[in-house]
Amino acid sequence: MRTNRELAPFAATAIVAWVAVLFGTTINWGQYIGSVVLLVAAGAFGLIAARRGFIRVGTVVGSIIALAALGLVRNASGGSTSGVSTLSLLAVFETALTLRSRRDLTIVLVALAAFYLIPILAVGPPHYPHSGYRGALIAVVVSSIIGLATQQLVADIRRRAAEARRRERMLVQVGEIARRLFDSLSPRQDICEAVRDVSGATLAIIYEPVAGSNTLHCSASTRDLEAVALGSPGTESSAMYDAFLSGQPVMITSRQDSRVGNIELWAASGKPTSLLYEPLLRGEERLGVLVAGWPEPVEHSDSRAQMTSLLAHEVAAVIQRADMVDTLTDEAYTDQLTTLPNRRAWDARLSLAMDSGTPFAVVMLDIDMFKRFNDTYGHPGGDRLLREAAAGWQVVMRSGDFLARLGGEEFGLLIFEADRLSTQVLVERVRAQMPDEQTCSAGIAFRLPGESADSLITRADQALYDAKSGGRDRAEFSDGPPTAPAATASTA
């Protein structure tokens, strides 16, 4: 909407011109007053129309009325010699500044031509000599050039301003997404979903190098492509490898079937027309490639591609942080000697089992006479025994069961959805894996309805103590609540 401040320069120029014609010339006061009325009407109509949302009508009609007012004051003050004709450029300039339509500008230019031609035809010499045709032609041509150039300049400024606002919104949006991703439990998956949501891509996947090589495989994709995406390799002679090895983005919009890294994945995503391969870089380190695809032609300067590029810069940091968190988490929950889960991981898994409602048994395992073995072969020998025992036990465990080192020579085993007989068979298979002709004892307790974790562990410990007390190298069941606190079995 045009404001009073924006119209002030035009109004001030018109007032100066209308006052200036009063000096040094004979005035036809009737026509002069009529021109003032028309000038005020032009300004009032333009403002009222603009405030009601009719900017186009207000500008075009207001400019035509203003030209009529200028023609009247020119005639009132001596015709073509009055010196006010150049003010007609204001109507063209105002239209070009306000409206984008070439048609609207053309209407005002036609009115400008009428402003020059009608007096020559209707009044003629001496006030409007025939030589005025030449001046009218030049004025209309120059005004047309000025109007078109002004429209183009204004359009360019508006486009740049819109682009700046769009980029600002993009930066804010990317920042918000990055903050969410840093707290995500599955950042790679969420990255792909974010790319699809903010850029309208139909394909969003992440390729990362296999450890120790430059071979790329898919590590994440949008959920609708998981079945064909995860783990799928890329083709070395593809745009994906070009982006990864060069560290530069690659955009392809033609011959897609010969340049995509995975034809099956491209087909499953609807054979997108435009594909952007954005390398994921952290300093000099190459972390992978983010791939986005759109069903229609998209240039690299397009906001959707730019948004994807901005996200790619954040993705590298998110992936690196996620990997670091995973590493630290693994270290925090892993026993360094045996690489089994440790006591912290055991407590967490036991808590989940207690909450799940799934039937399960707790098995406490303890290596018999470990202290004597340690004294005989030293701590390196004891460490070797623990590592070999843990490795042997893992071989015979069922998928879904959970084995952890609880401390020293004591281990815990969670067995899910198994009856007494199958549990006994499994525990005996575990015990049979002991190396160096060593033995171990086991205490087994099935969780009773409503039983707490402390009570369950205490019963399993007591069963282990019973196995130790009964001669070692055996497994004992606890069929009910403990009858007495179990003694420490790890030293037996």
Protein backbone atom coordinates (compact mmCIF):
# COMPACT_ATOMS: atom_id res chain seq x y z
CA MET A 1 0.00 0.00 0.00
CA ARG A 2 1.28 3.49 -0.87
CA THR A 3 1.76 5.60 2.25
CA ASN A 4 1.53 9.38 2.76
CA ARG A 5 5.31 9.49 3.20
CA GLU A 6 5.89 7.75 -0.14
CA LEU A 7 3.51 10.14 -1.94
CA ALA A 8 4.91 13.27 -0.27
CA PRO A 9 7.67 13.98 -2.88
CA PHE A 10 5.14 13.83 -5.73
CA ALA A 11 2.68 16.04 -3.86
CA ALA A 12 5.39 18.57 -2.94
CA THR A 13 6.59 18.80 -6.56
CA ALA A 14 3.04 19.35 -7.81
CA ILE A 15 2.40 22.11 -5.24
CA VAL A 16 5.63 23.89 -6.21
CA ALA A 17 4.73 23.67 -9.91
CA TRP A 18 1.17 24.98 -9.36
CA VAL A 19 2.49 27.91 -7.34
CA ALA A 20 5.32 28.64 -9.79
CA VAL A 21 2.98 29.12 -12.77
CA LEU A 22 1.38 32.05 -10.96
CA PHE A 23 4.48 34.19 -11.53
CA GLY A 24 5.49 35.79 -14.82
CA THR A 25 2.44 34.81 -16.87
CA THR A 26 -1.20 35.57 -17.45
CA ILE A 27 -3.47 33.07 -15.70
CA ASN A 28 -6.91 31.84 -16.75
CA TRP A 29 -8.25 31.60 -13.22
CA GLY A 30 -11.22 29.41 -14.08
CA GLN A 31 -9.02 26.77 -15.64
CA TYR A 32 -6.41 27.15 -12.89
CA ILE A 33 -8.97 26.54 -10.13
CA GLY A 34 -10.35 23.59 -12.12
CA SER A 35 -6.84 22.13 -12.32
CA VAL A 36 -6.40 22.47 -8.55
CA VAL A 37 -9.68 20.65 -7.98
CA LEU A 38 -8.60 17.86 -10.34
CA LEU A 39 -5.17 17.61 -8.66
CA VAL A 40 -6.72 17.27 -5.22
CA ALA A 41 -9.22 14.73 -6.61
CA ALA A 42 -6.35 12.70 -8.11
CA GLY A 43 -4.49 12.59 -4.80
CA ALA A 44 -7.59 11.84 -2.73
CA PHE A 45 -8.77 9.10 -5.10
CA GLY A 46 -5.37 7.45 -5.10
CA LEU A 47 -5.11 7.42 -1.29
CA ILE A 48 -8.65 6.20 -0.68
CA ALA A 49 -8.38 3.45 -3.30
CA ALA A 50 -5.02 2.31 -1.90
CA ARG A 51 -6.31 2.17 1.67
CA ARG A 52 -9.21 0.02 0.53
CA GLY A 53 -6.86 -2.34 -1.30
CA PHE A 54 -7.51 -1.07 -4.84
CA ILE A 55 -3.92 -0.02 -5.45
CA ARG A 56 -3.97 -0.69 -9.16
CA VAL A 57 -7.15 1.31 -9.84
CA GLY A 58 -6.06 4.10 -7.52
CA THR A 59 -2.67 4.44 -9.19
CA VAL A 60 -3.80 4.25 -12.82
CA VAL A 61 -6.94 6.40 -12.50
CA GLY A 62 -5.18 8.81 -10.13
CA SER A 63 -2.32 9.23 -12.65
CA ILE A 64 -4.78 9.90 -15.49
CA ILE A 65 -6.65 12.49 -13.41
CA ALA A 66 -3.32 14.09 -12.45
CA LEU A 67 -2.37 14.33 -16.15
CA ALA A 68 -5.75 15.99 -16.84
CA ALA A 69 -5.08 18.48 -14.04
CA LEU A 70 -1.59 19.17 -15.44
CA GLY A 71 -3.05 19.69 -18.92
CA LEU A 72 -5.57 22.17 -17.52
CA VAL A 73 -2.99 24.19 -15.57
CA ARG A 74 -0.69 24.20 -18.61
CA ASN A 75 -3.50 25.62 -20.74
CA ALA A 76 -4.36 28.14 -17.99
CA SER A 77 -0.77 29.46 -17.90
CA GLY A 78 0.15 29.86 -21.56
CA GLY A 79 0.06 26.44 -23.20
CA SER A 80 3.23 24.71 -24.34
CA THR A 81 5.38 27.63 -23.15
CA SER A 82 4.23 27.30 -19.53
CA GLY A 83 7.14 24.95 -18.68
CA VAL A 84 5.06 22.44 -16.71
CA SER A 85 4.90 19.69 -19.34
CA THR A 86 7.89 17.85 -17.88
CA LEU A 87 5.84 17.17 -14.72
CA SER A 88 3.95 14.59 -16.78
CA LEU A 89 6.86 12.24 -16.08
CA LEU A 90 5.70 12.07 -12.46
CA ALA A 91 2.57 10.11 -13.47
CA VAL A 92 4.69 7.59 -15.38
CA PHE A 93 7.25 7.35 -12.60
CA GLU A 94 4.57 6.86 -9.92
CA THR A 95 2.90 4.08 -11.93
CA ALA A 96 6.20 2.32 -12.61
CA LEU A 97 7.20 2.47 -8.93
CA THR A 98 3.86 1.16 -7.67
CA LEU A 99 2.65 -1.39 -10.22
CA ARG A 100 4.37 -4.38 -11.84
CA SER A 101 1.97 -4.70 -14.77
CA ARG A 102 3.23 -3.52 -18.17
CA ARG A 103 -0.41 -3.14 -19.23
CA ASP A 104 -1.08 -0.59 -16.48
CA LEU A 105 2.05 1.32 -17.48
CA THR A 106 0.91 1.27 -21.10
CA ILE A 107 -2.47 2.78 -20.13
CA VAL A 108 -0.70 5.68 -18.40
CA LEU A 109 1.66 6.13 -21.36
CA VAL A 110 -1.37 6.34 -23.68
CA ALA A 111 -2.82 9.00 -21.35
CA LEU A 112 0.54 10.80 -21.54
CA ALA A 113 0.39 10.74 -25.35
CA ALA A 114 -3.13 12.21 -25.15
CA PHE A 115 -1.80 14.88 -22.77
CA TYR A 116 0.52 16.09 -25.55
CA LEU A 117 -1.58 15.44 -28.66
CA ILE A 118 -5.12 16.54 -27.70
CA PRO A 119 -4.19 20.23 -27.17
CA ILE A 120 -2.34 20.32 -30.53
CA LEU A 121 -5.36 18.85 -32.30
CA ALA A 122 -8.07 20.68 -30.36
CA VAL A 123 -6.46 24.08 -29.73
CA GLY A 124 -3.52 24.28 -32.09
CA PRO A 125 -1.25 27.32 -32.71
CA PRO A 126 -0.16 29.62 -31.29
CA HIS A 127 -0.43 28.03 -27.82
CA TYR A 128 0.28 24.55 -29.22
CA PRO A 129 2.27 24.77 -32.48
CA HIS A 130 2.45 21.80 -34.83
CA SER A 131 6.11 21.36 -33.98
CA GLY A 132 4.78 19.98 -30.71
CA TYR A 133 4.23 16.62 -32.42
CA ARG A 134 7.96 16.07 -32.42
CA GLY A 135 8.19 16.99 -28.75
CA ALA A 136 5.23 14.74 -27.94
CA LEU A 137 6.87 11.76 -29.68
CA ILE A 138 10.15 12.30 -27.87
CA ALA A 139 8.39 12.76 -24.53
CA VAL A 140 6.38 9.55 -24.90
CA VAL A 141 9.44 7.53 -26.00
CA VAL A 142 11.62 8.86 -23.15
CA SER A 143 8.80 8.32 -20.66
CA SER A 144 8.35 4.76 -21.90
CA ILE A 145 12.05 4.04 -21.43
CA ILE A 146 12.04 5.58 -17.96
CA GLY A 147 8.87 3.72 -16.98
CA LEU A 148 10.05 0.33 -18.19
CA ALA A 149 13.50 0.77 -16.64
CA THR A 150 11.93 1.83 -13.35
CA GLN A 151 9.60 -1.16 -13.34
CA GLN A 152 12.52 -3.48 -14.01
CA LEU A 153 14.59 -1.87 -11.26
CA VAL A 154 11.75 -2.05 -8.75
CA ALA A 155 11.05 -5.69 -9.68
CA ASP A 156 14.73 -6.53 -9.20
CA ILE A 157 14.84 -4.78 -5.82
CA ARG A 158 11.67 -6.57 -4.72
CA ARG A 159 13.05 -9.89 -5.90
CA ARG A 160 16.29 -9.33 -4.01
CA ALA A 161 14.39 -8.30 -0.89
CA ALA A 162 12.15 -11.38 -1.14
CA GLU A 163 15.24 -13.54 -1.65
CA ALA A 164 16.87 -12.01 1.44
CA ARG A 165 13.74 -12.65 3.51
CA ARG A 166 13.51 -16.18 2.15
CA ARG A 167 17.16 -16.86 2.99
CA GLU A 168 16.65 -15.48 6.47
CA ARG A 169 13.66 -17.78 6.99
CA MET A 170 15.71 -20.67 5.62
CA LEU A 171 18.54 -19.99 8.07
CA VAL A 172 16.11 -19.81 10.98
CA GLN A 173 14.40 -23.02 9.86
CA VAL A 174 17.71 -24.84 9.39
CA GLY A 175 18.84 -23.67 12.83
CA GLU A 176 15.67 -25.02 14.43
CA ILE A 177 16.04 -28.34 12.58
CA ALA A 178 19.69 -28.61 13.62
CA ARG A 179 18.81 -28.07 17.26
CA ARG A 180 16.17 -30.80 17.08
CA LEU A 181 18.58 -33.15 15.34
CA PHE A 182 21.21 -32.73 18.05
CA ASP A 183 18.70 -34.14 20.55
CA SER A 184 17.42 -36.86 18.21
CA LEU A 185 17.69 -40.53 19.14
CA SER A 186 17.96 -41.46 15.43
CA PRO A 187 19.58 -38.41 13.82
CA ARG A 188 20.34 -39.94 10.42
CA GLN A 189 16.75 -41.02 9.91
CA ASP A 190 15.42 -37.68 11.14
CA ILE A 191 17.81 -35.83 8.82
CA CYS A 192 16.31 -37.56 5.80
CA GLU A 193 12.78 -36.81 6.97
CA ALA A 194 13.73 -33.16 7.56
CA VAL A 195 15.19 -32.81 4.06
CA ARG A 196 12.03 -34.21 2.55
CA ASP A 197 9.76 -32.01 4.66
CA VAL A 198 11.53 -28.67 4.12
CA SER A 199 12.59 -29.09 0.48
CA GLY A 200 9.72 -31.14 -0.92
CA ALA A 201 12.10 -33.89 -2.05
CA THR A 202 10.72 -37.31 -2.88
CA LEU A 203 14.11 -38.91 -2.31
CA ALA A 204 16.35 -38.23 0.70
CA ILE A 205 19.10 -40.65 1.67
CA ILE A 206 22.51 -40.60 3.33
CA TYR A 207 25.46 -42.59 2.03
CA GLU A 208 28.50 -43.12 4.25
CA PRO A 209 31.82 -44.86 3.64
CA VAL A 210 32.39 -48.36 4.94
CA ALA A 211 35.04 -48.23 7.68
CA GLY A 212 38.54 -48.27 6.24
CA SER A 213 37.47 -47.75 2.62
CA ASN A 214 35.91 -45.34 0.15
CA THR A 215 33.05 -47.74 -0.59
CA LEU A 216 29.73 -46.00 0.08
CA HIS A 217 26.62 -47.66 1.41
CA CYS A 218 23.23 -46.29 2.43
CA SER A 219 23.03 -45.64 6.18
CA ALA A 220 19.65 -43.83 6.32
CA SER A 221 16.71 -42.85 4.15
CA THR A 222 13.15 -41.65 4.42
CA ARG A 223 10.95 -44.30 6.02
CA ASP A 224 9.10 -45.12 2.81
CA LEU A 225 12.38 -46.17 1.17
CA GLU A 226 13.94 -48.15 4.02
CA ALA A 227 13.11 -51.54 2.52
CA VAL A 228 15.25 -50.94 -0.59
CA ALA A 229 17.66 -48.32 0.75
CA LEU A 230 19.40 -49.40 3.95
CA GLY A 231 22.75 -51.03 3.30
CA SER A 232 22.45 -50.72 -0.47
CA PRO A 233 25.79 -49.85 -2.11
CA GLY A 234 26.47 -47.07 -4.56
CA THR A 235 28.08 -47.44 -7.97
CA GLU A 236 31.62 -46.11 -8.16
CA SER A 237 31.08 -44.49 -11.57
CA SER A 238 28.23 -42.30 -10.33
CA ALA A 239 27.52 -38.71 -9.39
CA MET A 240 27.50 -39.78 -5.75
CA TYR A 241 31.16 -40.83 -5.85
CA ASP A 242 32.00 -37.68 -7.81
CA ALA A 243 30.56 -35.58 -4.99
CA PHE A 244 32.21 -37.67 -2.28
CA LEU A 245 35.70 -37.70 -3.79
CA SER A 246 35.70 -34.09 -4.99
CA GLY A 247 33.98 -32.59 -1.97
CA GLN A 248 31.81 -30.53 -4.36
CA PRO A 249 28.01 -30.76 -4.82
CA VAL A 250 26.75 -32.39 -8.02
CA MET A 251 23.33 -31.66 -9.54
CA ILE A 252 22.00 -33.86 -12.33
CA THR A 253 18.85 -33.15 -14.33
CA SER A 254 19.36 -35.45 -17.33
CA ARG A 255 20.54 -39.01 -18.10
CA GLN A 256 19.69 -39.92 -14.51
CA ASP A 257 19.69 -43.66 -15.14
CA SER A 258 23.36 -43.56 -16.14
CA ARG A 259 24.54 -41.39 -13.23
CA VAL A 260 22.56 -42.41 -10.16
CA GLY A 261 24.32 -44.58 -7.61
CA ASN A 262 21.50 -47.08 -7.27
CA ILE A 263 18.99 -47.66 -10.07
CA GLU A 264 16.61 -49.70 -7.90
CA LEU A 265 16.46 -46.98 -5.25
CA TRP A 266 15.96 -44.27 -7.89
CA ALA A 267 13.09 -46.24 -9.42
CA ALA A 268 11.51 -46.95 -6.02
CA SER A 269 11.40 -43.20 -5.28
CA GLY A 270 9.51 -42.45 -8.51
CA LYS A 271 12.51 -41.76 -10.79
CA PRO A 272 13.03 -38.13 -9.71
CA THR A 273 14.06 -35.76 -12.50
CA SER A 274 16.48 -33.66 -10.43
CA LEU A 275 19.05 -35.14 -8.06
CA LEU A 276 21.39 -33.22 -5.77
CA TYR A 277 24.45 -34.97 -4.33
CA GLU A 278 25.72 -32.84 -1.46
CA PRO A 279 29.00 -33.97 0.19
CA LEU A 280 29.00 -34.12 3.99
CA LEU A 281 32.22 -32.46 5.11
CA ARG A 282 33.65 -31.73 8.54
CA GLY A 283 36.75 -29.69 7.85
CA GLU A 284 38.83 -31.86 5.53
CA GLU A 285 37.11 -35.06 6.62
CA ARG A 286 34.59 -36.59 4.21
CA LEU A 287 31.72 -38.12 6.17
CA GLY A 288 29.45 -39.13 3.29
CA VAL A 289 26.93 -37.78 0.80
CA LEU A 290 23.40 -36.45 1.28
CA VAL A 291 21.19 -37.20 -1.74
CA ALA A 292 17.93 -35.36 -2.45
CA GLY A 293 15.65 -35.79 -5.46
CA TRP A 294 12.68 -33.90 -6.90
CA PRO A 295 10.16 -34.99 -9.56
CA GLU A 296 10.48 -31.70 -11.49
CA PRO A 297 13.51 -29.79 -12.84
CA VAL A 298 15.34 -27.99 -10.02
CA GLU A 299 18.38 -25.74 -10.48
CA HIS A 300 21.14 -25.54 -7.89
CA SER A 301 20.13 -21.91 -7.24
CA ASP A 302 16.58 -23.02 -6.39
CA SER A 303 15.57 -22.46 -2.77
CA ARG A 304 14.87 -26.18 -2.32
CA ALA A 305 18.38 -27.12 -3.38
CA GLN A 306 19.86 -24.33 -1.28
CA MET A 307 17.91 -25.48 1.76
CA THR A 308 19.28 -28.98 1.22
CA SER A 309 22.82 -27.59 0.96
CA LEU A 310 22.38 -25.64 4.19
CA LEU A 311 21.11 -28.76 5.93
CA ALA A 312 24.08 -30.75 4.60
CA HIS A 313 26.46 -28.43 6.46
CA GLU A 314 24.56 -29.09 9.68
CA VAL A 315 24.20 -32.81 8.94
CA ALA A 316 27.96 -33.36 9.05
CA ALA A 317 28.14 -31.95 12.58
CA VAL A 318 25.08 -33.91 13.68
CA ILE A 319 26.43 -37.20 12.34
CA GLN A 320 29.83 -36.65 13.92
CA ARG A 321 28.24 -35.83 17.24
CA ALA A 322 25.91 -38.84 17.03
CA ASP A 323 28.85 -41.14 16.32
CA MET A 324 30.76 -39.66 19.24
CA VAL A 325 27.78 -40.13 21.55
CA ASP A 326 27.38 -43.72 20.34
CA THR A 327 31.07 -44.39 20.99
CA LEU A 328 30.93 -42.91 24.47
CA THR A 329 27.72 -44.79 25.19
CA ASP A 330 29.26 -48.05 24.04
CA GLU A 331 32.28 -47.43 26.23
CA ALA A 332 30.07 -46.58 29.19
CA TYR A 333 28.02 -49.77 28.78
CA THR A 334 30.78 -52.17 27.68
CA ASP A 335 33.21 -54.20 29.74
CA GLN A 336 36.62 -53.41 28.26
CA LEU A 337 38.18 -56.81 29.03
CA THR A 338 35.52 -59.14 27.57
CA THR A 339 33.67 -56.61 25.33
CA LEU A 340 30.44 -57.86 26.93
CA PRO A 341 27.86 -55.44 28.34
CA ASN A 342 28.83 -54.30 31.85
CA ARG A 343 26.94 -53.87 35.12
CA ARG A 344 25.40 -50.58 33.97
CA ALA A 345 24.07 -52.19 30.80
CA TRP A 346 22.82 -55.18 32.84
CA ASP A 347 20.81 -52.95 35.17
CA ALA A 348 19.26 -51.11 32.21
CA ARG A 349 18.34 -54.33 30.37
CA LEU A 350 16.96 -55.94 33.53
CA SER A 351 14.79 -52.87 34.12
CA LEU A 352 13.37 -53.15 30.59
CA ALA A 353 12.68 -56.85 31.12
CA MET A 354 10.85 -56.12 34.38
CA ASP A 355 8.64 -53.55 32.65
CA SER A 356 7.92 -55.61 29.54
CA GLY A 357 5.87 -58.33 31.19
CA THR A 358 7.65 -60.99 29.12
CA PRO A 359 8.49 -64.18 31.09
CA PHE A 360 12.22 -64.51 31.69
CA ALA A 361 14.82 -66.09 33.93
CA VAL A 362 17.91 -64.62 35.58
CA VAL A 363 21.02 -66.81 35.53
CA MET A 364 24.01 -65.89 37.68
CA LEU A 365 27.25 -67.49 36.41
CA ASP A 366 30.45 -67.70 38.44
CA ILE A 367 33.77 -69.30 37.43
CA ASP A 368 34.78 -71.91 39.97
CA MET A 369 38.11 -71.56 41.84
CA PHE A 370 38.98 -68.40 39.89
CA LYS A 371 41.15 -66.99 42.67
CA ARG A 372 43.29 -70.14 42.66
CA PHE A 373 43.57 -69.97 38.85
CA ASN A 374 44.65 -66.34 39.13
CA ASP A 375 47.24 -67.18 41.76
CA THR A 376 48.60 -70.01 39.62
CA TYR A 377 48.73 -68.28 36.21
CA GLY A 378 48.79 -64.64 37.25
CA HIS A 379 46.44 -61.84 36.28
CA PRO A 380 47.22 -62.10 32.54
CA GLY A 381 46.17 -65.75 32.67
CA GLY A 382 43.02 -64.85 34.61
CA ASP A 383 42.17 -62.13 32.07
CA ARG A 384 42.65 -64.59 29.22
CA LEU A 385 40.32 -67.09 30.92
CA LEU A 386 37.62 -64.45 31.32
CA ARG A 387 37.89 -63.38 27.66
CA GLU A 388 37.79 -66.95 26.34
CA ALA A 389 34.89 -67.92 28.60
CA ALA A 390 32.88 -64.87 27.48
CA ALA A 391 33.61 -65.61 23.81
CA GLY A 392 32.59 -69.26 24.18
CA TRP A 393 29.36 -68.41 25.95
CA GLN A 394 28.35 -65.93 23.25
CA VAL A 395 28.64 -68.66 20.61
CA VAL A 396 25.92 -70.84 22.15
CA MET A 397 23.55 -68.08 23.30
CA ARG A 398 20.19 -67.66 21.60
CA SER A 399 19.34 -64.50 19.70
CA GLY A 400 17.48 -62.14 22.02
CA ASP A 401 19.03 -63.37 25.27
CA PHE A 402 21.41 -61.08 27.13
CA LEU A 403 24.82 -61.80 28.66
CA ALA A 404 26.81 -59.32 30.77
CA ARG A 405 29.89 -59.27 32.98
CA LEU A 406 28.84 -58.07 36.42
CA GLY A 407 32.29 -57.88 37.97
CA GLY A 408 35.30 -60.09 38.65
CA GLU A 409 34.48 -63.62 37.55
CA GLU A 410 30.69 -63.18 37.90
CA PHE A 411 28.40 -62.93 34.88
CA GLY A 412 24.65 -62.49 34.42
CA LEU A 413 22.42 -64.04 31.76
CA LEU A 414 18.82 -63.10 30.92
CA ILE A 415 16.87 -65.88 29.16
CA PHE A 416 13.52 -64.88 27.65
CA GLU A 417 10.43 -66.96 26.88
CA ALA A 418 11.87 -70.34 27.84
CA ASP A 419 10.53 -73.07 30.12
CA ARG A 420 12.50 -74.81 32.85
CA LEU A 421 13.78 -77.64 30.63
CA SER A 422 14.99 -75.45 27.72
CA THR A 423 16.56 -73.05 30.20
CA GLN A 424 18.44 -75.88 31.87
CA VAL A 425 19.64 -77.18 28.49
CA LEU A 426 20.87 -73.72 27.49
CA VAL A 427 22.68 -73.15 30.81
CA GLU A 428 24.43 -76.51 30.50
CA ARG A 429 25.54 -75.62 26.98
CA VAL A 430 26.93 -72.38 28.34
CA ARG A 431 28.77 -74.11 31.17
CA ALA A 432 30.24 -76.62 28.73
CA GLN A 433 32.07 -73.81 26.90
CA MET A 434 34.50 -73.18 29.75
CA PRO A 435 38.15 -73.26 28.48
CA ASP A 436 41.26 -74.84 30.07
CA GLU A 437 39.23 -77.58 31.78
CA GLN A 438 37.85 -74.97 34.18
CA THR A 439 34.26 -75.14 35.45
CA CYS A 440 31.58 -72.69 36.44
CA SER A 441 28.47 -72.75 38.60
CA ALA A 442 25.07 -71.24 37.86
CA GLY A 443 22.06 -70.08 39.84
CA ILE A 444 18.75 -69.82 37.99
CA ALA A 445 15.60 -67.97 39.05
CA PHE A 446 12.42 -67.43 37.04
CA ARG A 447 10.61 -64.21 37.82
CA LEU A 448 7.52 -64.75 39.94
CA PRO A 449 4.34 -62.67 39.33
CA GLY A 450 4.73 -59.22 40.87
CA GLU A 451 8.28 -59.95 42.06
CA SER A 452 10.75 -57.05 42.30
CA ALA A 453 14.15 -57.00 40.61
CA ASP A 454 15.97 -57.09 43.98
CA SER A 455 14.06 -60.20 45.07
CA LEU A 456 14.67 -61.92 41.73
CA ILE A 457 18.43 -61.23 41.83
CA THR A 458 18.62 -62.33 45.43
CA ARG A 459 17.00 -65.68 44.60
CA ALA A 460 19.36 -66.22 41.65
CA ASP A 461 22.35 -65.37 43.89
CA GLN A 462 21.09 -67.80 46.53
CA ALA A 463 20.72 -70.53 43.89
CA LEU A 464 24.31 -69.85 42.81
CA TYR A 465 25.42 -70.10 46.42
CA ASP A 466 23.61 -73.44 46.69
CA ALA A 467 25.44 -74.67 43.56
CA LYS A 468 28.78 -73.62 45.06
CA SER A 469 27.95 -75.19 48.40
CA GLY A 470 26.82 -78.40 46.69
CA GLY A 471 30.25 -79.02 45.17
CA ARG A 472 30.50 -76.46 42.31
CA ASP A 473 30.37 -77.24 38.57
CA ARG A 474 26.59 -77.42 38.60
CA ALA A 475 23.41 -75.34 38.11
CA GLU A 476 20.70 -74.90 40.72
CA PHE A 477 17.16 -73.53 40.39
CA SER A 478 15.40 -71.24 42.85
CA ASP A 479 11.71 -72.12 42.78
CA GLY A 480 10.48 -69.64 45.34
CA PRO A 481 11.40 -66.60 47.36
CA PRO A 482 14.79 -66.73 49.12
CA THR A 483 14.82 -68.32 52.55
CA ALA A 484 17.96 -66.57 53.73
CA PRO A 485 20.42 -63.92 52.42
CA ALA A 486 22.76 -65.50 49.91
CA ALA A 487 26.46 -65.50 50.71
CA THR A 488 28.95 -64.01 48.25
CA ALA A 489 29.77 -66.74 45.75
CA SER A 490 32.47 -65.03 43.74
CA THR A 491 35.27 -66.02 46.12
CA ALA A 492 34.30 -69.71 46.24
